[in-house]
């Protein structure tokens, strides 16, 4: 079997022309379907390939290059009320627009760069080099997210809800920073060990004692039955910055994560606990989902958070805190939310439409309890 393919993207020659069992293919998707039908590729591999354009450069220093990107558009309406009154907010927005490239180099080295290109705003999302010669020990240096929660480290193209949980945004979002990460997989066990610039950005502040963020993860992934998989892991993040920079200014956070899949059913749950000089905060979410058929999925999520700090929890950034009645009174010490949604997969995560409905309650704000209801819709694509 000989496989090459030829495509032109902005004048670049892309992997190659196809001959498979003496047959030629005029369409790339027809090729992928044939490879799936004869068992050469799995359905997951086909979905991944549909979202990639692979360039074979005429350059001895680069083995291959992938052009990667995503566009995510969404709209929302939120209605909220507290002791001060009631209000609403609605929006349509370009949630994410990213463009990047990933290259494979001799010696099992991968280079990756990706940028955010929203209107009026451009920023670096990731830039790193990774040595991948031995699966038990991949080594990465550069600018990227540390290891935190299962939900935070799941790509925005693959999360099952329109927005991540408020728990994750509170305790698991230190943001991208420069560091070094060692990860490995010796089935059924996996691990991660990292150290990062604790102040975020590309370097620590000049003429100030350097601060660092330390990261560790250990877990297990195993097949329970032929169509059932269990993933369990514990992750720890600690900052030596006395002001804290993990999540919403926590010194350290521990994450216990569990995911179980069997056939069309998937359930994920995480418990998180973080400490800061102003008090500890902890909480959990549970998120079941079910594929109703090959295209349609139903998903639910319940989460709850509590904090010793009277202002340890904020209303959701999308979109609860945008209602005008919460200006200056969007913090409390208790939070709960219920999300129900439907996802329609046109071509897997490469092209999908999402609809979500969420009710949440933030307790003991400066204007009593803040109740809000949000309706989301989103269209997300990969290329």
Protein backbone atom coordinates (compact mmCIF):
# COMPACT_ATOMS: atom_id res chain seq x y z
CA UNK A 1 0.00 0.00 0.00
CA UNK A 2 1.40 3.38 -1.00
CA UNK A 3 -0.17 6.54 0.37
CA UNK A 4 0.66 10.05 -0.70
CA UNK A 5 -1.66 13.00 -1.03
CA UNK A 6 -1.58 16.34 -2.73
CA UNK A 7 -3.45 19.42 -1.65
CA UNK A 8 -2.69 23.12 -1.97
CA UNK A 9 -3.17 25.48 0.96
CA UNK A 10 -2.06 29.07 0.42
CA UNK A 11 0.43 27.84 -2.16
CA UNK A 12 1.95 25.13 0.07
CA UNK A 13 2.16 21.52 -1.07
CA UNK A 14 0.42 19.24 1.41
CA UNK A 15 0.74 15.47 1.94
CA UNK A 16 0.29 13.84 -1.08
CA UNK A 17 -1.46 11.68 -3.84
CA UNK A 18 -3.17 8.45 -2.86
CA UNK A 19 -2.90 4.95 -4.25
CA UNK A 20 -4.60 2.29 -2.14
CA UNK A 21 -4.98 -1.22 -3.53
CA UNK A 22 -4.76 0.19 -7.06
CA UNK A 23 -7.49 2.79 -6.49
CA UNK A 24 -7.08 6.54 -6.59
CA UNK A 25 -9.02 9.02 -4.50
CA UNK A 26 -10.11 12.47 -5.55
CA UNK A 27 -11.34 13.42 -2.09
CA UNK A 28 -9.39 13.34 1.16
CA UNK A 29 -12.47 12.38 3.21
CA UNK A 30 -13.15 9.43 0.90
CA UNK A 31 -9.63 8.22 1.59
CA UNK A 32 -10.11 8.48 5.35
CA UNK A 33 -13.44 6.61 5.16
CA UNK A 34 -11.81 3.78 3.19
CA UNK A 35 -8.95 3.54 5.67
CA UNK A 36 -11.48 3.38 8.52
CA UNK A 37 -13.64 0.78 6.75
CA UNK A 38 -10.70 -1.56 6.17
CA UNK A 39 -9.45 -1.17 9.74
CA UNK A 40 -6.26 0.77 8.94
CA UNK A 41 -7.43 3.73 11.03
CA UNK A 42 -9.74 3.94 14.04
CA UNK A 43 -12.68 6.33 14.08
CA UNK A 44 -10.82 8.56 16.58
CA UNK A 45 -7.78 8.71 14.27
CA UNK A 46 -10.02 9.63 11.34
CA UNK A 47 -11.61 12.50 13.30
CA UNK A 48 -8.16 13.74 14.28
CA UNK A 49 -6.88 13.65 10.71
CA UNK A 50 -9.93 15.51 9.42
CA UNK A 51 -8.96 18.47 11.59
CA UNK A 52 -5.32 18.61 10.43
CA UNK A 53 -3.48 19.81 7.34
CA UNK A 54 -0.10 18.07 7.16
CA UNK A 55 2.69 19.79 5.25
CA UNK A 56 5.84 17.92 4.19
CA UNK A 57 8.47 20.68 3.85
CA UNK A 58 11.40 20.42 1.46
CA UNK A 59 13.73 20.81 4.44
CA UNK A 60 16.00 18.19 5.99
CA UNK A 61 15.58 19.79 9.41
CA UNK A 62 11.77 19.34 9.53
CA UNK A 63 10.08 15.95 9.07
CA UNK A 64 6.52 17.30 8.87
CA UNK A 65 4.47 20.32 9.85
CA UNK A 66 0.82 20.65 10.84
CA UNK A 67 -1.13 23.87 10.46
CA UNK A 68 -3.61 24.00 13.32
CA UNK A 69 -6.34 26.34 14.45
CA UNK A 70 -9.81 26.79 15.88
CA UNK A 71 -12.68 29.23 15.69
CA UNK A 72 -15.36 29.27 18.39
CA UNK A 73 -18.38 31.57 18.30
CA UNK A 74 -21.04 31.69 20.99
CA UNK A 75 -24.01 33.64 22.28
CA UNK A 76 -25.57 33.84 25.73
CA UNK A 77 -28.38 35.36 27.71
CA UNK A 78 -28.26 35.61 31.53
CA UNK A 79 -30.95 36.77 33.94
CA UNK A 80 -29.98 37.46 37.56
CA UNK A 81 -31.30 38.85 40.81
CA UNK A 82 -30.07 39.73 44.31
CA UNK A 83 -31.26 41.96 47.18
CA UNK A 84 -30.54 45.05 45.06
CA UNK A 85 -32.91 44.00 42.29
CA UNK A 86 -32.80 42.10 39.01
CA UNK A 87 -31.16 42.52 35.63
CA UNK A 88 -30.07 40.71 32.51
CA UNK A 89 -27.26 40.62 29.97
CA UNK A 90 -26.93 39.18 26.47
CA UNK A 91 -24.06 38.89 24.04
CA UNK A 92 -22.69 37.34 20.87
CA UNK A 93 -18.93 36.93 20.83
CA UNK A 94 -15.98 35.36 19.14
CA UNK A 95 -15.00 33.20 22.11
CA UNK A 96 -11.72 31.88 20.71
CA UNK A 97 -9.75 32.25 17.48
CA UNK A 98 -6.39 30.50 17.43
CA UNK A 99 -3.81 29.72 14.80
CA UNK A 100 -0.64 27.74 15.20
CA UNK A 101 1.77 25.14 13.87
CA UNK A 102 3.27 21.92 15.16
CA UNK A 103 6.44 20.45 13.68
CA UNK A 104 8.17 17.08 13.99
CA UNK A 105 11.95 17.23 13.86
CA UNK A 106 14.69 14.57 13.67
CA UNK A 107 15.52 12.96 16.99
CA UNK A 108 11.87 12.65 18.10
CA UNK A 109 11.56 16.38 18.82
CA UNK A 110 8.29 18.28 18.55
CA UNK A 111 7.92 22.06 18.33
CA UNK A 112 4.58 23.77 18.92
CA UNK A 113 3.44 27.39 18.72
CA UNK A 114 -0.08 28.79 18.97
CA UNK A 115 -1.51 32.27 19.29
CA UNK A 116 -4.82 33.89 20.20
CA UNK A 117 -5.97 36.30 17.46
CA UNK A 118 -9.19 37.84 18.75
CA UNK A 119 -10.23 41.23 17.33
CA UNK A 120 -8.19 43.97 18.97
CA UNK A 121 -6.28 41.40 20.99
CA UNK A 122 -3.35 39.15 20.10
CA UNK A 123 -1.43 37.02 22.56
CA UNK A 124 0.70 33.91 22.78
CA UNK A 125 -1.18 30.79 23.88
CA UNK A 126 1.65 28.21 23.76
CA UNK A 127 5.23 27.89 22.53
CA UNK A 128 7.30 24.87 23.53
CA UNK A 129 9.78 22.21 22.48
CA UNK A 130 9.29 18.59 23.55
CA UNK A 131 11.65 15.62 23.36
CA UNK A 132 9.53 12.48 22.71
CA UNK A 133 12.08 9.71 22.20
CA UNK A 134 10.89 7.56 25.10
CA UNK A 135 7.25 7.30 26.15
CA UNK A 136 8.15 6.77 29.85
CA UNK A 137 9.87 10.21 29.87
CA UNK A 138 8.76 13.03 27.58
CA UNK A 139 10.50 16.31 28.39
CA UNK A 140 8.98 19.70 27.50
CA UNK A 141 10.29 23.26 27.96
CA UNK A 142 8.55 26.47 27.00
CA UNK A 143 5.34 28.40 27.49
CA UNK A 144 2.17 26.42 28.29
CA UNK A 145 -0.36 25.57 31.00
CA UNK A 146 0.88 23.64 34.06
CA UNK A 147 -0.86 20.38 34.96
CA UNK A 148 -3.93 21.13 37.09
CA UNK A 149 -7.42 19.66 36.85
CA UNK A 150 -8.78 17.20 34.31
CA UNK A 151 -11.26 19.82 33.11
CA UNK A 152 -8.71 22.65 32.82
CA UNK A 153 -6.25 20.46 30.92
CA UNK A 154 -8.94 19.28 28.48
CA UNK A 155 -8.79 21.34 25.27
CA UNK A 156 -11.54 23.90 24.74
CA UNK A 157 -12.32 22.00 21.53
CA UNK A 158 -13.12 18.85 23.52
CA UNK A 159 -14.88 20.06 26.71
CA UNK A 160 -18.50 18.87 26.90
CA UNK A 161 -20.02 22.06 28.33
CA UNK A 162 -19.99 25.50 26.70
CA UNK A 163 -17.92 26.86 29.62
CA UNK A 164 -15.76 25.10 32.20
CA UNK A 165 -17.06 24.92 35.77
CA UNK A 166 -16.72 27.86 38.15
CA UNK A 167 -14.81 25.49 40.44
CA UNK A 168 -12.15 24.98 37.75
CA UNK A 169 -11.97 28.71 37.04
CA UNK A 170 -11.54 29.38 40.77
CA UNK A 171 -8.97 26.73 41.69
CA UNK A 172 -7.41 25.40 38.49
CA UNK A 173 -6.52 28.29 36.20
CA UNK A 174 -3.01 29.65 36.93
CA UNK A 175 -2.66 30.53 33.25
CA UNK A 176 0.21 29.88 30.85
CA UNK A 177 3.78 30.45 31.98
CA UNK A 178 7.32 29.35 31.12
CA UNK A 179 8.60 26.14 32.65
CA UNK A 180 9.86 22.61 32.26
CA UNK A 181 7.69 19.49 32.47
CA UNK A 182 8.59 15.80 32.56
CA UNK A 183 5.72 13.42 31.79
CA UNK A 184 5.64 9.67 31.32
CA UNK A 185 3.43 6.68 30.71
CA UNK A 186 4.26 3.16 31.85
CA UNK A 187 0.91 1.44 31.45
CA UNK A 188 -1.27 1.53 33.40
CA UNK A 189 0.51 4.33 35.33
CA UNK A 190 1.34 7.88 34.27
CA UNK A 191 3.01 10.86 35.97
CA UNK A 192 4.05 14.48 35.55
CA UNK A 193 6.65 16.66 37.30
CA UNK A 194 7.11 20.33 36.50
CA UNK A 195 8.59 23.64 37.62
CA UNK A 196 7.44 27.00 36.22
CA UNK A 197 8.07 30.71 36.62
CA UNK A 198 5.69 31.43 39.47
CA UNK A 199 4.84 34.98 38.41
CA UNK A 200 3.45 33.92 35.05
CA UNK A 201 4.43 35.43 31.71
CA UNK A 202 7.75 34.74 30.02
CA UNK A 203 10.13 35.60 32.89
CA UNK A 204 10.22 36.58 36.56
CA UNK A 205 10.34 40.22 37.64
CA UNK A 206 13.74 41.95 37.59
CA UNK A 207 15.44 42.83 40.90
CA UNK A 208 12.95 40.71 42.85
CA UNK A 209 13.54 37.31 44.43
CA UNK A 210 12.44 34.72 41.88
CA UNK A 211 9.19 32.87 42.53
CA UNK A 212 8.41 29.40 41.20
CA UNK A 213 5.42 27.14 40.83
CA UNK A 214 5.89 23.40 41.40
CA UNK A 215 3.69 20.76 39.85
CA UNK A 216 3.24 16.99 40.37
CA UNK A 217 0.77 14.43 39.07
CA UNK A 218 0.31 10.70 39.37
CA UNK A 219 -2.44 8.48 38.03
CA UNK A 220 -3.62 5.27 36.45
CA UNK A 221 -5.50 4.55 33.23
CA UNK A 222 -6.86 1.05 32.69
CA UNK A 223 -9.34 -0.89 30.62
CA UNK A 224 -11.98 -2.31 32.97
CA UNK A 225 -13.74 -4.24 30.18
CA UNK A 226 -13.44 -4.27 26.39
CA UNK A 227 -15.44 -1.01 26.12
CA UNK A 228 -14.88 0.51 29.59
CA UNK A 229 -11.96 2.71 30.67
CA UNK A 230 -11.10 4.20 34.06
CA UNK A 231 -8.77 7.17 34.63
CA UNK A 232 -7.91 8.22 38.20
CA UNK A 233 -5.28 10.78 39.15
CA UNK A 234 -4.11 13.19 41.83
CA UNK A 235 -2.42 16.49 40.91
CA UNK A 236 -0.70 19.04 43.16
CA UNK A 237 0.34 22.63 42.42
CA UNK A 238 2.31 24.78 44.88
CA UNK A 239 3.59 28.34 44.55
CA UNK A 240 6.40 29.85 46.65
CA UNK A 241 5.05 33.32 45.91
CA UNK A 242 3.71 34.53 49.32
CA UNK A 243 0.85 36.26 47.47
CA UNK A 244 -0.12 33.02 45.73
CA UNK A 245 -0.78 32.80 42.01
CA UNK A 246 -2.66 29.53 41.59
CA UNK A 247 -6.29 29.94 40.61
CA UNK A 248 -7.63 32.97 42.50
CA UNK A 249 -4.42 33.61 44.48
CA UNK A 250 -3.99 30.28 46.28
CA UNK A 251 -0.66 29.08 47.63
CA UNK A 252 -1.34 25.44 46.80
CA UNK A 253 -4.15 23.35 45.34
CA UNK A 254 -4.76 19.59 45.26
CA UNK A 255 -6.94 17.95 42.62
CA UNK A 256 -8.44 14.45 42.76
CA UNK A 257 -9.87 13.48 39.36
CA UNK A 258 -11.84 10.48 38.12
CA UNK A 259 -13.22 9.62 34.68
CA UNK A 260 -15.07 6.45 33.70
CA UNK A 261 -16.34 5.62 30.21
CA UNK A 262 -18.34 2.62 29.07
CA UNK A 263 -19.86 2.48 25.61
CA UNK A 264 -21.78 5.73 25.01
CA UNK A 265 -21.70 6.74 28.71
CA UNK A 266 -19.07 9.02 30.26
CA UNK A 267 -18.84 10.36 33.81
CA UNK A 268 -16.22 12.76 35.17
CA UNK A 269 -15.85 14.08 38.70
CA UNK A 270 -13.22 16.14 40.49
CA UNK A 271 -12.61 17.34 44.03
CA UNK A 272 -10.36 20.38 44.52
CA UNK A 273 -9.06 22.04 47.67
CA UNK A 274 -6.86 25.13 47.88
CA UNK A 275 -5.29 27.14 50.71
CA UNK A 276 -4.48 30.84 50.93
CA UNK A 277 -3.72 33.35 53.72
CA UNK A 278 -7.37 34.46 53.54
CA UNK A 279 -8.79 30.96 54.06
CA UNK A 280 -9.28 27.60 52.40
CA UNK A 281 -11.64 26.88 49.51
CA UNK A 282 -12.84 23.50 48.29
CA UNK A 283 -15.51 21.95 46.12
CA UNK A 284 -16.40 19.28 43.60
CA UNK A 285 -18.31 18.73 40.39
CA UNK A 286 -19.83 15.65 38.81
CA UNK A 287 -20.47 15.55 35.07
CA UNK A 288 -22.26 12.63 33.39
CA UNK A 289 -22.89 12.47 29.63
CA UNK A 290 -24.42 10.05 27.15
CA UNK A 291 -24.27 9.71 23.38
CA UNK A 292 -27.89 9.28 22.29
CA UNK A 293 -26.77 8.34 18.77
CA UNK A 294 -23.68 8.90 16.59
CA UNK A 295 -24.23 12.67 16.49
CA UNK A 296 -26.22 13.79 19.55
CA UNK A 297 -24.98 13.90 23.16
CA UNK A 298 -26.70 14.95 26.37
CA UNK A 299 -24.56 16.26 29.25
CA UNK A 300 -25.23 17.40 32.80
CA UNK A 301 -23.05 18.90 35.53
CA UNK A 302 -23.55 19.73 39.19
CA UNK A 303 -20.94 21.68 41.13
CA UNK A 304 -20.61 23.15 44.59
CA UNK A 305 -17.90 25.34 46.19
CA UNK A 306 -17.41 26.66 49.74
CA UNK A 307 -14.79 29.05 51.12
CA UNK A 308 -13.56 30.20 54.54
CA UNK A 309 -12.90 33.57 52.91
CA UNK A 310 -16.11 35.69 52.82
CA UNK A 311 -15.06 36.85 49.34
CA UNK A 312 -13.37 33.65 48.19
CA UNK A 313 -15.75 32.85 45.30
CA UNK A 314 -16.79 35.11 42.42
CA UNK A 315 -19.84 34.96 40.18
CA UNK A 316 -19.15 33.26 36.86
CA UNK A 317 -17.10 35.37 34.46
CA UNK A 318 -19.25 34.11 31.59
CA UNK A 319 -21.73 35.48 32.12
CA UNK A 320 -23.01 35.96 35.65
CA UNK A 321 -20.82 38.86 36.74
CA UNK A 322 -21.75 40.93 33.66
CA UNK A 323 -25.26 41.72 34.90
CA UNK A 324 -25.15 45.34 36.13
CA UNK A 325 -26.64 44.55 39.58
CA UNK A 326 -23.53 42.55 40.59
CA UNK A 327 -21.03 45.36 40.00
CA UNK A 328 -18.91 45.46 43.17
CA UNK A 329 -20.97 42.72 44.91
CA UNK A 330 -19.99 39.67 42.86
CA UNK A 331 -18.13 37.77 45.62
CA UNK A 332 -19.38 35.38 48.28
CA UNK A 333 -18.46 32.26 50.26
CA UNK A 334 -20.71 29.57 48.77
CA UNK A 335 -21.61 28.59 45.21
CA UNK A 336 -23.64 25.87 43.48
CA UNK A 337 -24.69 25.35 39.87
CA UNK A 338 -26.61 22.90 37.69
CA UNK A 339 -25.90 22.65 33.94
CA UNK A 340 -27.86 20.68 31.31
CA UNK A 341 -26.84 20.68 27.66
CA UNK A 342 -26.99 19.07 24.22
CA UNK A 343 -24.05 18.72 21.82
CA UNK A 344 -24.46 17.92 18.12
CA UNK A 345 -21.29 16.58 16.47
CA UNK A 346 -21.26 17.35 12.76
CA UNK A 347 -17.77 15.88 12.33
CA UNK A 348 -16.72 15.07 15.90
CA UNK A 349 -14.91 17.81 17.80
CA UNK A 350 -13.81 19.22 14.44
CA UNK A 351 -17.23 20.77 13.88
CA UNK A 352 -19.93 20.80 16.54
CA UNK A 353 -22.87 22.84 17.83
CA UNK A 354 -23.56 23.17 21.58
CA UNK A 355 -26.58 24.29 23.59
CA UNK A 356 -26.49 24.73 27.39
CA UNK A 357 -28.71 25.88 30.24
CA UNK A 358 -27.26 26.69 33.69
CA UNK A 359 -28.77 27.80 36.99
CA UNK A 360 -26.39 28.96 39.73
CA UNK A 361 -26.44 30.53 43.18
CA UNK A 362 -23.74 32.62 44.86
CA UNK A 363 -24.28 32.97 48.61
CA UNK A 364 -23.51 35.80 51.05
CA UNK A 365 -22.50 38.53 48.63
CA UNK A 366 -22.68 42.20 49.61
CA UNK A 367 -26.26 42.13 48.29
CA UNK A 368 -27.40 38.79 49.69
CA UNK A 369 -27.73 35.69 47.53
CA UNK A 370 -27.18 36.16 43.80
CA UNK A 371 -29.26 33.78 41.64
CA UNK A 372 -28.73 33.66 37.90
CA UNK A 373 -29.87 31.60 34.92
CA UNK A 374 -27.84 31.46 31.71
CA UNK A 375 -28.65 30.05 28.27
CA UNK A 376 -25.64 29.38 26.00
CA UNK A 377 -25.27 28.37 22.39
CA UNK A 378 -21.97 27.79 20.59
CA UNK A 379 -20.50 26.64 17.27
CA UNK A 380 -16.96 25.32 17.42
CA UNK A 381 -14.63 24.22 14.63
CA UNK A 382 -11.10 22.90 14.26
CA UNK A 383 -8.86 23.05 11.21
